[in-house]
N, C-alpha and C. Protein backbone atom coordinates (compact mmCIF):
# COMPACT_ATOMS: atom_id res chain seq x y z
N MET A 1 119.09 66.59 47.60
CA MET A 1 119.19 65.70 48.83
C MET A 1 120.65 65.45 49.06
N VAL A 2 121.12 65.64 50.34
CA VAL A 2 122.65 65.33 50.69
C VAL A 2 122.58 63.75 51.03
N LYS A 3 123.55 63.15 50.39
CA LYS A 3 123.85 61.77 50.51
C LYS A 3 124.82 61.50 51.74
N ALA A 4 124.22 60.74 52.71
CA ALA A 4 124.82 60.36 53.84
C ALA A 4 126.14 59.60 53.66
N THR A 5 127.12 59.85 54.45
CA THR A 5 128.22 59.17 54.34
C THR A 5 128.19 57.70 55.16
N SER A 6 129.09 56.98 55.01
CA SER A 6 128.89 55.60 55.75
C SER A 6 129.02 55.68 57.32
N ARG A 7 129.87 56.68 57.57
CA ARG A 7 129.99 57.09 58.93
C ARG A 7 128.46 57.66 59.43
N ALA A 8 128.03 58.56 58.84
CA ALA A 8 126.60 59.25 59.16
C ALA A 8 125.57 58.00 59.25
N LYS A 9 125.66 57.16 58.36
CA LYS A 9 124.73 56.04 58.26
C LYS A 9 124.86 55.18 59.44
N LYS A 10 126.11 54.78 59.78
CA LYS A 10 126.55 53.97 61.07
C LYS A 10 126.06 54.76 62.21
N HIS A 11 126.20 56.07 62.34
CA HIS A 11 125.77 56.74 63.49
C HIS A 11 124.24 56.75 63.60
N ILE A 12 123.56 56.79 62.48
CA ILE A 12 122.08 56.84 62.47
C ILE A 12 121.46 55.53 63.02
N GLY A 13 122.07 54.47 62.45
CA GLY A 13 121.90 53.01 62.73
C GLY A 13 122.10 52.97 64.31
N LEU A 14 123.09 53.44 64.84
CA LEU A 14 123.46 53.17 66.21
C LEU A 14 122.33 53.98 67.10
N VAL A 15 122.01 55.14 66.84
CA VAL A 15 120.89 55.86 67.50
C VAL A 15 119.60 55.09 67.48
N GLN A 16 119.22 54.36 66.27
CA GLN A 16 118.08 53.72 66.06
C GLN A 16 118.07 52.40 66.94
N ALA A 17 119.18 51.74 66.99
CA ALA A 17 119.56 50.54 67.95
C ALA A 17 119.44 50.92 69.33
N ILE A 18 120.00 52.00 69.80
CA ILE A 18 119.89 52.56 71.23
C ILE A 18 118.35 52.79 71.53
N LYS A 19 117.59 53.30 70.48
CA LYS A 19 116.21 53.66 70.90
C LYS A 19 115.43 52.49 70.92
N LYS A 20 115.82 51.42 70.17
CA LYS A 20 114.99 50.06 70.22
C LYS A 20 115.20 49.39 71.78
N GLN A 21 116.38 49.61 72.16
CA GLN A 21 116.72 49.02 73.62
C GLN A 21 116.10 49.72 74.55
N LEU A 22 116.13 51.07 74.50
CA LEU A 22 115.57 51.84 75.37
C LEU A 22 113.85 51.63 75.38
N GLU A 23 113.38 51.48 74.26
CA GLU A 23 111.90 51.28 74.32
C GLU A 23 111.65 49.70 74.76
N ALA A 24 112.30 48.89 74.63
CA ALA A 24 112.39 47.49 75.14
C ALA A 24 112.28 47.55 76.78
N ALA A 25 113.27 48.40 77.23
CA ALA A 25 113.34 48.68 78.71
C ALA A 25 112.31 49.42 79.29
N SER A 26 111.88 50.39 78.73
CA SER A 26 110.88 51.22 79.23
C SER A 26 109.70 51.55 78.26
N PRO A 27 108.84 50.43 77.91
CA PRO A 27 107.71 50.76 76.95
C PRO A 27 106.80 51.99 77.09
N THR A 28 106.68 52.19 78.34
CA THR A 28 105.82 53.15 78.80
C THR A 28 106.20 54.65 78.66
N SER A 29 107.65 54.90 78.58
CA SER A 29 108.12 56.25 78.60
C SER A 29 107.64 56.91 77.21
N ALA A 30 107.74 58.19 77.22
CA ALA A 30 107.41 58.99 76.09
C ALA A 30 108.24 58.72 74.77
N LYS A 31 107.78 58.77 73.65
CA LYS A 31 108.69 58.43 72.55
C LYS A 31 109.63 59.48 72.34
N GLY A 32 109.26 60.77 72.70
CA GLY A 32 110.34 61.85 72.55
C GLY A 32 111.39 61.77 73.47
N LEU A 33 111.05 61.38 74.68
CA LEU A 33 112.03 61.09 75.61
C LEU A 33 113.09 60.26 75.27
N LEU A 34 112.54 59.20 74.69
CA LEU A 34 113.32 57.89 74.14
C LEU A 34 114.18 58.42 73.00
N ALA A 35 113.52 59.12 72.16
CA ALA A 35 114.47 59.60 71.01
C ALA A 35 115.38 60.59 71.37
N THR A 36 115.25 61.55 72.31
CA THR A 36 116.30 62.47 72.75
C THR A 36 117.46 61.64 73.66
N LEU A 37 117.13 60.70 74.50
CA LEU A 37 118.12 59.89 75.11
C LEU A 37 118.86 59.11 74.17
N SER A 38 118.23 58.61 73.18
CA SER A 38 118.99 57.80 72.05
C SER A 38 120.01 58.70 71.26
N ILE A 39 119.74 59.94 70.99
CA ILE A 39 120.43 60.93 70.54
C ILE A 39 121.70 61.23 71.10
N ASP A 40 121.45 61.50 72.37
CA ASP A 40 122.48 61.86 73.48
C ASP A 40 123.46 60.70 73.40
N LEU A 41 122.96 59.40 73.73
CA LEU A 41 123.89 58.37 73.88
C LEU A 41 124.66 57.92 72.60
N GLY A 42 123.87 58.18 71.44
CA GLY A 42 124.42 57.94 70.26
C GLY A 42 125.57 59.06 69.99
N ASP A 43 125.44 60.23 70.29
CA ASP A 43 126.35 61.22 69.99
C ASP A 43 127.47 61.14 70.84
N LEU A 44 127.38 60.90 72.16
CA LEU A 44 128.49 60.48 73.27
C LEU A 44 129.42 59.33 72.52
N TYR A 45 128.50 58.30 72.16
CA TYR A 45 129.33 57.04 71.57
C TYR A 45 130.09 57.43 70.43
N PHE A 46 129.71 58.49 69.46
CA PHE A 46 130.19 58.81 68.20
C PHE A 46 131.44 59.59 68.53
N VAL A 47 131.31 60.54 69.65
CA VAL A 47 132.48 61.41 69.97
C VAL A 47 133.67 60.49 70.42
N ALA A 48 133.19 59.48 71.33
CA ALA A 48 134.20 58.64 71.87
C ALA A 48 135.10 57.91 70.65
N ASP A 49 134.20 57.36 69.79
CA ASP A 49 134.85 56.72 68.71
C ASP A 49 135.71 57.91 67.95
N THR A 50 135.31 58.91 67.82
CA THR A 50 136.12 60.09 67.24
C THR A 50 137.48 60.36 67.95
N HIS A 51 137.41 60.31 69.28
CA HIS A 51 138.42 60.48 70.09
C HIS A 51 139.56 59.07 69.95
N GLN A 52 138.87 58.06 69.83
CA GLN A 52 139.87 56.75 69.58
C GLN A 52 140.56 57.08 68.42
N GLN A 53 139.90 57.36 67.41
CA GLN A 53 140.46 57.44 66.01
C GLN A 53 141.50 58.71 66.11
N GLN A 54 141.29 59.75 66.78
CA GLN A 54 142.27 60.75 67.26
C GLN A 54 143.38 60.36 67.80
N MET A 55 143.48 59.37 68.70
CA MET A 55 144.56 58.94 69.60
C MET A 55 145.20 58.27 68.53
N LYS A 56 144.77 57.35 67.83
CA LYS A 56 145.53 56.59 66.84
C LYS A 56 146.37 57.46 65.97
N GLU A 57 145.93 58.51 65.60
CA GLU A 57 146.47 59.43 64.80
C GLU A 57 147.69 60.27 65.44
N LEU A 58 147.25 60.30 66.70
CA LEU A 58 148.34 61.07 67.70
C LEU A 58 149.72 60.07 67.66
N PHE A 59 149.38 58.79 67.91
CA PHE A 59 150.44 57.74 67.91
C PHE A 59 151.28 57.59 66.61
N ARG A 60 150.68 58.03 65.50
CA ARG A 60 151.36 57.94 64.20
C ARG A 60 152.09 59.22 63.89
N MET A 61 151.96 60.24 64.69
CA MET A 61 152.72 61.53 64.47
C MET A 61 154.13 61.26 64.82
N LYS A 62 154.93 62.08 64.01
CA LYS A 62 156.39 62.20 64.39
C LYS A 62 156.68 63.78 64.57
N PHE A 63 157.43 63.79 65.71
CA PHE A 63 157.88 65.15 66.24
C PHE A 63 159.37 65.42 65.98
N PRO A 64 159.71 66.64 65.57
CA PRO A 64 159.03 67.87 65.51
C PRO A 64 158.03 68.14 64.33
N ARG A 65 158.19 67.39 63.27
CA ARG A 65 157.59 67.56 62.09
C ARG A 65 155.92 67.68 62.13
N ASP A 66 155.32 67.07 63.03
CA ASP A 66 153.66 67.11 63.24
C ASP A 66 153.15 67.88 64.29
N LYS A 67 154.09 69.03 64.72
CA LYS A 67 153.38 69.88 65.66
C LYS A 67 152.27 70.55 65.51
N ARG A 68 152.19 70.98 64.30
CA ARG A 68 150.85 71.73 63.80
C ARG A 68 149.76 70.77 63.73
N LYS A 69 149.88 69.39 63.29
CA LYS A 69 149.07 68.49 63.39
C LYS A 69 148.58 68.17 64.75
N LEU A 70 149.38 68.20 65.85
CA LEU A 70 149.08 67.84 67.15
C LEU A 70 148.22 69.08 67.59
N LYS A 71 148.53 70.36 67.43
CA LYS A 71 147.94 71.46 67.83
C LYS A 71 146.35 71.44 67.52
N LYS A 72 146.15 71.08 66.16
CA LYS A 72 144.85 71.01 65.58
C LYS A 72 144.12 69.85 66.12
N LEU A 73 144.71 68.73 66.33
CA LEU A 73 143.97 67.50 66.99
C LEU A 73 143.64 67.89 68.50
N LEU A 74 144.53 68.46 69.06
CA LEU A 74 144.24 69.00 70.66
C LEU A 74 142.96 69.97 70.76
N GLY A 75 143.04 70.74 69.69
CA GLY A 75 141.87 71.68 69.71
C GLY A 75 140.47 70.96 69.29
N GLN A 76 140.58 70.04 68.41
CA GLN A 76 139.40 69.19 68.15
C GLN A 76 138.99 68.51 69.28
N LEU A 77 139.78 67.96 69.98
CA LEU A 77 139.32 67.30 71.21
C LEU A 77 138.84 68.28 72.24
N GLU A 78 139.53 69.33 72.38
CA GLU A 78 138.87 70.41 73.54
C GLU A 78 137.63 70.70 73.05
N ALA A 79 137.32 71.01 71.63
CA ALA A 79 136.10 71.42 71.26
C ALA A 79 134.91 70.32 71.55
N ASN A 80 135.37 69.15 71.10
CA ASN A 80 134.33 68.06 71.36
C ASN A 80 133.96 67.76 72.71
N LEU A 81 134.94 67.88 73.60
CA LEU A 81 134.81 67.60 75.11
C LEU A 81 134.00 68.79 75.82
N LEU A 82 134.41 70.18 75.48
CA LEU A 82 133.67 71.28 76.08
C LEU A 82 132.17 71.51 75.45
N PHE A 83 132.10 71.18 74.08
CA PHE A 83 130.84 71.65 73.55
C PHE A 83 130.06 70.38 73.37
N GLU A 84 130.36 69.45 72.51
CA GLU A 84 129.57 68.32 72.19
C GLU A 84 129.32 67.41 73.39
N ASN A 85 130.31 67.07 74.11
CA ASN A 85 129.81 66.21 75.20
C ASN A 85 129.21 66.85 76.28
N ASN A 86 129.71 68.15 76.63
CA ASN A 86 128.76 69.00 77.69
C ASN A 86 127.33 69.02 77.30
N TRP A 87 127.09 69.34 76.18
CA TRP A 87 125.83 69.46 75.63
C TRP A 87 124.92 68.28 76.07
N HIS A 88 125.47 67.13 75.52
CA HIS A 88 124.71 65.83 75.74
C HIS A 88 124.73 65.18 77.28
N LEU A 89 125.64 65.68 77.90
CA LEU A 89 125.77 65.20 79.34
C LEU A 89 124.62 66.17 80.15
N LYS A 90 124.50 67.43 79.82
CA LYS A 90 123.63 68.25 80.37
C LYS A 90 122.02 67.62 80.11
N SER A 91 121.91 67.16 78.70
CA SER A 91 120.58 66.67 78.39
C SER A 91 120.39 65.46 79.25
N LEU A 92 121.15 64.63 79.34
CA LEU A 92 121.10 63.33 79.83
C LEU A 92 120.69 63.56 81.46
N LYS A 93 121.37 64.45 82.05
CA LYS A 93 121.26 64.82 83.43
C LYS A 93 119.64 65.39 83.67
N ARG A 94 119.19 66.02 82.68
CA ARG A 94 117.85 66.53 82.81
C ARG A 94 116.91 65.26 82.45
N ARG A 95 117.05 64.43 81.68
CA ARG A 95 116.03 63.35 81.12
C ARG A 95 116.32 62.24 81.66
N LEU A 96 117.26 61.67 82.35
CA LEU A 96 117.44 60.32 82.85
C LEU A 96 116.52 60.11 83.92
N PRO A 97 116.32 61.00 85.01
CA PRO A 97 115.29 60.87 85.90
C PRO A 97 113.88 60.60 85.50
N GLN A 98 113.46 61.21 84.32
CA GLN A 98 112.19 60.85 83.71
C GLN A 98 112.25 59.49 83.27
N PHE A 99 113.28 58.90 82.63
CA PHE A 99 113.34 57.72 82.10
C PHE A 99 113.43 56.74 83.22
N TRP A 100 114.05 57.03 84.32
CA TRP A 100 114.14 55.96 85.49
C TRP A 100 112.69 55.60 86.00
N LYS A 101 112.04 56.70 85.94
CA LYS A 101 110.73 56.56 86.45
C LYS A 101 109.85 55.52 85.62
N GLY A 102 109.99 55.55 84.48
CA GLY A 102 109.45 54.44 83.68
C GLY A 102 109.82 53.13 83.59
N LEU A 103 111.03 53.17 84.31
CA LEU A 103 111.63 51.38 84.23
C LEU A 103 110.85 50.57 85.27
């Protein structure tokens, strides 16, 4: 069994807290819908938190010494925005109308 890191545990707790709030807001919505929305919102939050950490890292960089670090950081930002965020935003776009009906 793989041991979850504290960051992963925090992320799981966040998704569970979001799901609890969504269930309170819309108790008649399907559990699967609420779970998917919770995961999407939690992952978007997680990526935003990662971006904040990356910006702190950017401000600690010294140039020209850290040019390679900057290239790597910008690549990670691009990947997160193009793939991770895009995936969850498309998912939200499909599922939010279903959720709104249950409100």
